[in-house]
Amino acid sequence: MRGVQPEVMTAMLDWDAGDRRIDEPSPARDQRLRVMAAVEDELRRRLGSRYTLSDLQKVYDGSSRWFLTLAERTAPGTPDAWDPSVALDAAFARWARNAQDAVAR
């Protein structure tokens, strides 16, 4: 994908992996989906409706400061739903598709 910054490319690989894993069978699947939806709400608050992949990657880089608190609040008592490599990354993958500079993959 020409023209995409290396740090964005690396993040997109993580996001795609999370997007593949979000629908895997798991006792925590419904709670993971709730956490993913909460992350999407947070992205909407932080980014609005017009953003680039670079903007999204910058928020992703700072997500370790807010994700766990959000996940615990959204799915209390279900630590399996708090895995950022699933719920967080899946939310970012879905938001990447709507970035102003989204690339066809």
N, C-alpha and C. Protein backbone atom coordinates (compact mmCIF):
# COMPACT_ATOMS: atom_id res chain seq x y z
N MET A 1 0.84 -1.18 0.00
CA MET A 1 0.00 0.00 0.00
C MET A 1 0.89 1.24 0.00
N ARG A 2 1.08 1.73 -1.17
CA ARG A 2 1.94 2.90 -1.35
C ARG A 2 1.35 4.12 -0.68
N GLY A 3 2.23 4.94 -0.12
CA GLY A 3 1.81 6.20 0.46
C GLY A 3 1.32 6.10 1.89
N VAL A 4 1.24 4.89 2.45
CA VAL A 4 0.80 4.73 3.82
C VAL A 4 2.03 4.70 4.71
N GLN A 5 2.01 5.51 5.76
CA GLN A 5 3.14 5.59 6.68
C GLN A 5 3.39 4.23 7.33
N PRO A 6 4.66 3.89 7.58
CA PRO A 6 4.97 2.58 8.17
C PRO A 6 4.26 2.33 9.50
N GLU A 7 4.16 3.35 10.36
CA GLU A 7 3.49 3.15 11.65
C GLU A 7 1.99 2.89 11.47
N VAL A 8 1.41 3.48 10.44
CA VAL A 8 -0.01 3.22 10.13
C VAL A 8 -0.15 1.79 9.61
N MET A 9 0.76 1.38 8.73
CA MET A 9 0.72 0.01 8.19
C MET A 9 0.82 -1.02 9.31
N THR A 10 1.74 -0.80 10.24
CA THR A 10 1.91 -1.73 11.36
C THR A 10 0.64 -1.80 12.19
N ALA A 11 0.06 -0.65 12.49
CA ALA A 11 -1.19 -0.63 13.26
C ALA A 11 -2.30 -1.34 12.51
N MET A 12 -2.36 -1.14 11.21
CA MET A 12 -3.43 -1.76 10.42
C MET A 12 -3.33 -3.29 10.44
N LEU A 13 -2.12 -3.81 10.49
CA LEU A 13 -1.95 -5.26 10.60
C LEU A 13 -2.54 -5.76 11.92
N ASP A 14 -2.28 -5.04 13.00
CA ASP A 14 -2.87 -5.39 14.30
C ASP A 14 -4.39 -5.29 14.25
N TRP A 15 -4.88 -4.21 13.66
CA TRP A 15 -6.33 -4.00 13.60
C TRP A 15 -7.01 -5.12 12.82
N ASP A 16 -6.43 -5.49 11.70
CA ASP A 16 -7.01 -6.57 10.88
C ASP A 16 -7.05 -7.89 11.64
N ALA A 17 -6.00 -8.17 12.40
CA ALA A 17 -5.97 -9.41 13.21
C ALA A 17 -7.09 -9.39 14.25
N GLY A 18 -7.29 -8.26 14.89
CA GLY A 18 -8.37 -8.13 15.87
C GLY A 18 -9.74 -8.29 15.23
N ASP A 19 -9.88 -7.74 14.04
CA ASP A 19 -11.16 -7.83 13.33
C ASP A 19 -11.48 -9.28 12.98
N ARG A 20 -10.46 -10.05 12.66
CA ARG A 20 -10.68 -11.48 12.37
C ARG A 20 -11.06 -12.24 13.64
N ARG A 21 -10.50 -11.83 14.77
CA ARG A 21 -10.71 -12.57 16.02
C ARG A 21 -12.00 -12.20 16.75
N ILE A 22 -12.58 -11.05 16.48
CA ILE A 22 -13.73 -10.58 17.27
C ILE A 22 -14.92 -11.53 17.19
N ASP A 23 -15.09 -12.20 16.08
CA ASP A 23 -16.24 -13.09 15.91
C ASP A 23 -15.94 -14.55 16.21
N GLU A 24 -14.75 -14.84 16.69
CA GLU A 24 -14.42 -16.22 17.05
C GLU A 24 -15.30 -16.67 18.22
N PRO A 25 -15.68 -17.93 18.23
CA PRO A 25 -16.46 -18.45 19.35
C PRO A 25 -15.69 -18.28 20.66
N SER A 26 -16.38 -17.78 21.65
CA SER A 26 -15.78 -17.55 22.96
C SER A 26 -16.91 -17.31 23.96
N PRO A 27 -16.74 -17.76 25.19
CA PRO A 27 -17.76 -17.45 26.20
C PRO A 27 -17.89 -15.94 26.42
N ALA A 28 -16.85 -15.20 26.10
CA ALA A 28 -16.86 -13.75 26.29
C ALA A 28 -17.23 -12.98 25.02
N ARG A 29 -17.67 -13.67 23.99
CA ARG A 29 -17.91 -13.02 22.69
C ARG A 29 -18.87 -11.84 22.79
N ASP A 30 -20.00 -12.03 23.44
CA ASP A 30 -20.98 -10.93 23.54
C ASP A 30 -20.39 -9.73 24.29
N GLN A 31 -19.63 -10.00 25.33
CA GLN A 31 -19.01 -8.92 26.09
C GLN A 31 -17.91 -8.24 25.27
N ARG A 32 -17.18 -9.01 24.48
CA ARG A 32 -16.17 -8.40 23.60
C ARG A 32 -16.82 -7.45 22.61
N LEU A 33 -17.96 -7.85 22.08
CA LEU A 33 -18.68 -6.98 21.15
C LEU A 33 -19.15 -5.71 21.83
N ARG A 34 -19.55 -5.82 23.09
CA ARG A 34 -19.95 -4.63 23.85
C ARG A 34 -18.76 -3.70 24.06
N VAL A 35 -17.60 -4.29 24.38
CA VAL A 35 -16.39 -3.48 24.56
C VAL A 35 -16.01 -2.82 23.24
N MET A 36 -16.08 -3.57 22.15
CA MET A 36 -15.77 -3.00 20.84
C MET A 36 -16.69 -1.81 20.54
N ALA A 37 -17.96 -1.94 20.82
CA ALA A 37 -18.91 -0.84 20.60
C ALA A 37 -18.56 0.36 21.47
N ALA A 38 -18.13 0.12 22.69
CA ALA A 38 -17.73 1.22 23.57
C ALA A 38 -16.48 1.91 23.03
N VAL A 39 -15.56 1.15 22.47
CA VAL A 39 -14.37 1.74 21.84
C VAL A 39 -14.79 2.59 20.65
N GLU A 40 -15.72 2.11 19.87
CA GLU A 40 -16.20 2.89 18.72
C GLU A 40 -16.83 4.20 19.18
N ASP A 41 -17.57 4.17 20.28
CA ASP A 41 -18.13 5.41 20.84
C ASP A 41 -17.01 6.36 21.24
N GLU A 42 -15.96 5.81 21.84
CA GLU A 42 -14.81 6.64 22.25
C GLU A 42 -14.11 7.22 21.04
N LEU A 43 -13.99 6.45 19.97
CA LEU A 43 -13.37 6.97 18.75
C LEU A 43 -14.22 8.09 18.15
N ARG A 44 -15.50 7.92 18.19
CA ARG A 44 -16.40 8.96 17.68
C ARG A 44 -16.20 10.26 18.48
N ARG A 45 -16.07 10.11 19.79
CA ARG A 45 -15.85 11.28 20.65
C ARG A 45 -14.50 11.93 20.37
N ARG A 46 -13.48 11.12 20.19
CA ARG A 46 -12.13 11.64 20.01
C ARG A 46 -11.85 12.15 18.60
N LEU A 47 -12.47 11.54 17.60
CA LEU A 47 -12.13 11.86 16.20
C LEU A 47 -13.23 12.57 15.42
N GLY A 48 -14.46 12.41 15.83
CA GLY A 48 -15.55 12.94 15.03
C GLY A 48 -15.78 12.07 13.81
N SER A 49 -16.33 12.64 12.78
CA SER A 49 -16.68 11.84 11.61
C SER A 49 -15.69 11.99 10.46
N ARG A 50 -14.78 12.93 10.55
CA ARG A 50 -13.78 13.14 9.49
C ARG A 50 -12.40 12.98 10.09
N TYR A 51 -11.68 11.96 9.63
CA TYR A 51 -10.37 11.65 10.17
C TYR A 51 -9.58 10.88 9.12
N THR A 52 -8.29 10.86 9.31
CA THR A 52 -7.41 10.10 8.41
C THR A 52 -6.88 8.87 9.14
N LEU A 53 -6.25 8.00 8.39
CA LEU A 53 -5.62 6.83 9.01
C LEU A 53 -4.54 7.25 10.01
N SER A 54 -3.83 8.31 9.69
CA SER A 54 -2.81 8.81 10.60
C SER A 54 -3.45 9.31 11.90
N ASP A 55 -4.57 10.02 11.80
CA ASP A 55 -5.29 10.47 13.00
C ASP A 55 -5.69 9.27 13.85
N LEU A 56 -6.19 8.25 13.19
CA LEU A 56 -6.64 7.04 13.88
C LEU A 56 -5.47 6.34 14.55
N GLN A 57 -4.35 6.26 13.86
CA GLN A 57 -3.16 5.62 14.42
C GLN A 57 -2.66 6.37 15.65
N LYS A 58 -2.74 7.68 15.65
CA LYS A 58 -2.30 8.47 16.81
C LYS A 58 -3.18 8.18 18.03
N VAL A 59 -4.47 8.06 17.81
CA VAL A 59 -5.37 7.72 18.92
C VAL A 59 -5.06 6.30 19.40
N TYR A 60 -4.78 5.41 18.47
CA TYR A 60 -4.43 4.02 18.82
C TYR A 60 -3.17 4.00 19.69
N ASP A 61 -2.18 4.80 19.33
CA ASP A 61 -0.95 4.84 20.11
C ASP A 61 -1.21 5.27 21.55
N GLY A 62 -2.21 6.09 21.78
CA GLY A 62 -2.52 6.54 23.13
C GLY A 62 -3.60 5.73 23.82
N SER A 63 -4.08 4.70 23.17
CA SER A 63 -5.23 3.95 23.71
C SER A 63 -4.91 3.17 24.99
N SER A 64 -3.64 2.90 25.24
CA SER A 64 -3.30 2.18 26.47
C SER A 64 -3.64 3.01 27.71
N ARG A 65 -3.80 4.31 27.56
CA ARG A 65 -4.15 5.17 28.69
C ARG A 65 -5.64 5.09 29.04
N TRP A 66 -6.49 4.67 28.10
CA TRP A 66 -7.92 4.68 28.40
C TRP A 66 -8.63 3.36 28.14
N PHE A 67 -8.05 2.45 27.37
CA PHE A 67 -8.79 1.26 26.98
C PHE A 67 -9.19 0.36 28.15
N LEU A 68 -8.27 0.04 29.02
CA LEU A 68 -8.58 -0.91 30.08
C LEU A 68 -9.68 -0.38 31.00
N THR A 69 -9.63 0.89 31.33
CA THR A 69 -10.69 1.49 32.15
C THR A 69 -12.03 1.37 31.46
N LEU A 70 -12.05 1.68 30.17
CA LEU A 70 -13.28 1.57 29.39
C LEU A 70 -13.78 0.13 29.34
N ALA A 71 -12.89 -0.81 29.10
CA ALA A 71 -13.27 -2.22 28.99
C ALA A 71 -13.80 -2.75 30.33
N GLU A 72 -13.14 -2.42 31.42
CA GLU A 72 -13.59 -2.86 32.74
C GLU A 72 -14.96 -2.30 33.08
N ARG A 73 -15.19 -1.04 32.73
CA ARG A 73 -16.47 -0.40 32.99
C ARG A 73 -17.58 -1.00 32.12
N THR A 74 -17.24 -1.38 30.89
CA THR A 74 -18.23 -1.90 29.94
C THR A 74 -18.58 -3.35 30.22
N ALA A 75 -17.59 -4.14 30.60
CA ALA A 75 -17.80 -5.58 30.83
C ALA A 75 -17.20 -5.98 32.17
N PRO A 76 -17.75 -5.43 33.26
CA PRO A 76 -17.18 -5.76 34.57
C PRO A 76 -17.29 -7.25 34.85
N GLY A 77 -16.25 -7.78 35.44
CA GLY A 77 -16.27 -9.20 35.78
C GLY A 77 -16.01 -10.15 34.63
N THR A 78 -15.69 -9.61 33.44
CA THR A 78 -15.41 -10.46 32.28
C THR A 78 -14.05 -10.08 31.69
N PRO A 79 -12.97 -10.40 32.40
CA PRO A 79 -11.64 -9.99 31.92
C PRO A 79 -11.29 -10.53 30.54
N ASP A 80 -11.89 -11.64 30.12
CA ASP A 80 -11.61 -12.15 28.77
C ASP A 80 -12.08 -11.18 27.69
N ALA A 81 -12.99 -10.29 28.02
CA ALA A 81 -13.48 -9.31 27.05
C ALA A 81 -12.58 -8.09 26.98
N TRP A 82 -11.60 -8.00 27.86
CA TRP A 82 -10.74 -6.82 27.93
C TRP A 82 -9.48 -6.94 27.09
N ASP A 83 -9.36 -7.98 26.30
CA ASP A 83 -8.16 -8.20 25.50
C ASP A 83 -8.08 -7.14 24.39
N PRO A 84 -7.12 -6.22 24.48
CA PRO A 84 -7.06 -5.17 23.47
C PRO A 84 -6.75 -5.69 22.07
N SER A 85 -6.10 -6.86 21.98
CA SER A 85 -5.78 -7.38 20.66
C SER A 85 -7.02 -7.91 19.95
N VAL A 86 -8.16 -7.90 20.64
CA VAL A 86 -9.42 -8.31 20.01
C VAL A 86 -10.36 -7.12 19.92
N ALA A 87 -10.94 -6.72 21.05
CA ALA A 87 -11.98 -5.68 21.03
C ALA A 87 -11.46 -4.32 20.56
N LEU A 88 -10.33 -3.91 21.06
CA LEU A 88 -9.76 -2.62 20.67
C LEU A 88 -9.38 -2.63 19.20
N ASP A 89 -8.61 -3.64 18.81
CA ASP A 89 -8.12 -3.69 17.43
C ASP A 89 -9.26 -3.84 16.42
N ALA A 90 -10.28 -4.61 16.78
CA ALA A 90 -11.42 -4.76 15.86
C ALA A 90 -12.14 -3.43 15.65
N ALA A 91 -12.30 -2.67 16.72
CA ALA A 91 -12.95 -1.36 16.58
C ALA A 91 -12.14 -0.45 15.67
N PHE A 92 -10.83 -0.43 15.86
CA PHE A 92 -9.98 0.41 15.02
C PHE A 92 -10.03 -0.06 13.56
N ALA A 93 -10.08 -1.37 13.34
CA ALA A 93 -10.16 -1.88 11.97
C ALA A 93 -11.41 -1.38 11.28
N ARG A 94 -12.50 -1.40 11.99
CA ARG A 94 -13.76 -0.96 11.40
C ARG A 94 -13.75 0.53 11.13
N TRP A 95 -13.13 1.27 12.02
CA TRP A 95 -13.04 2.71 11.80
C TRP A 95 -12.06 3.05 10.68
N ALA A 96 -11.04 2.23 10.49
CA ALA A 96 -10.07 2.49 9.42
C ALA A 96 -10.75 2.46 8.06
N ARG A 97 -11.77 1.66 7.92
CA ARG A 97 -12.47 1.55 6.63
C ARG A 97 -13.14 2.86 6.21
N ASN A 98 -13.43 3.71 7.20
CA ASN A 98 -14.13 4.96 6.90
C ASN A 98 -13.24 6.19 6.98
N ALA A 99 -11.94 5.98 7.12
CA ALA A 99 -11.01 7.11 7.14
C ALA A 99 -11.05 7.81 5.78
N GLN A 100 -10.80 9.10 5.80
CA GLN A 100 -10.82 9.87 4.55
C GLN A 100 -9.84 9.32 3.52
N ASP A 101 -8.74 8.79 4.00
CA ASP A 101 -7.73 8.29 3.09
C ASP A 101 -7.66 6.75 3.11
N ALA A 102 -8.76 6.12 3.45
CA ALA A 102 -8.79 4.65 3.49
C ALA A 102 -8.39 4.10 2.14
N VAL A 103 -7.61 3.04 2.19
CA VAL A 103 -7.14 2.41 0.96
C VAL A 103 -7.85 1.07 0.79
N ALA A 104 -8.13 0.74 -0.43
CA ALA A 104 -8.75 -0.56 -0.71
C ALA A 104 -7.73 -1.65 -0.43
N ARG A 105 -8.18 -2.67 0.31
CA ARG A 105 -7.25 -3.76 0.64
C ARG A 105 -7.83 -5.06 0.20
